[in-house]
Amino acid sequence: MSNQAIQEHTMINGVNVDQQEETIQAVKKQPELAQFQFRAHNQWKGGGHNQIHADTYYGTCQELQRNESFALTADQPSTLLGTNKGPTPFEYLLTALSSCLTTSLVYQAAAQGITIDRLESDYEGDINLQGILGVNPDVRKGFEEIRVRINVDSNADTDMLRGLLENSPILDVIRNPTPVKIEFVTE
């Protein structure tokens, strides 16, 4: 047997909770480690078709490069004059919410020793195109309502799980106004 100590990590829900706690402690000692900036570059391809790339970001006080660039495609279905080459921006918003709620729930549960054996969720968002098309100025341009149904097998009750979701950053962005600054560079 080797003289090296074998260190086992506590894993809950696929999360290394020892490393999670180390991260929390590091941020408490050095709060600037918590400042992140995520980026996306979009290139219009025609009509409703766009291609989005994400490869660099800032975090832990440094510029970081992903091992692999992510390319996403967005479009509209043919009923909305698109070529159906990808999800709509609305579907990406639901995707962002779904992945963030799932990750937040799993990570927060792990930190509290709560096990999740199975987790699935469904998302629906209602929109009235009269607002987007300028037909009725009283109709909102965005989602009127988003409904989430989470099917979970866990040792925690519903109220506890609901409380853990309050740590979701994307849920926070949707529920609370976030300043969006737009700058045009014309050629």
Foldseek 3Di string as FASTA:
>chain_A
DDPDDDDDFDAALNDRLVVVVVVVVVCVVPVQQADKFWDKDWDDDDAFKIKIKGFWMDGRNGIDGDPDIDIFIAWDPVVVVTPPPHHHVLVVLVVLLVVLLVVLLRVLCVNVVKHWPDKDKDKDFDADCCCVVVVDVVGDHDTPDMDMDMDTDIPDDPVVSVVSSVPRPSVVCVVDPDDDDDDDDDD
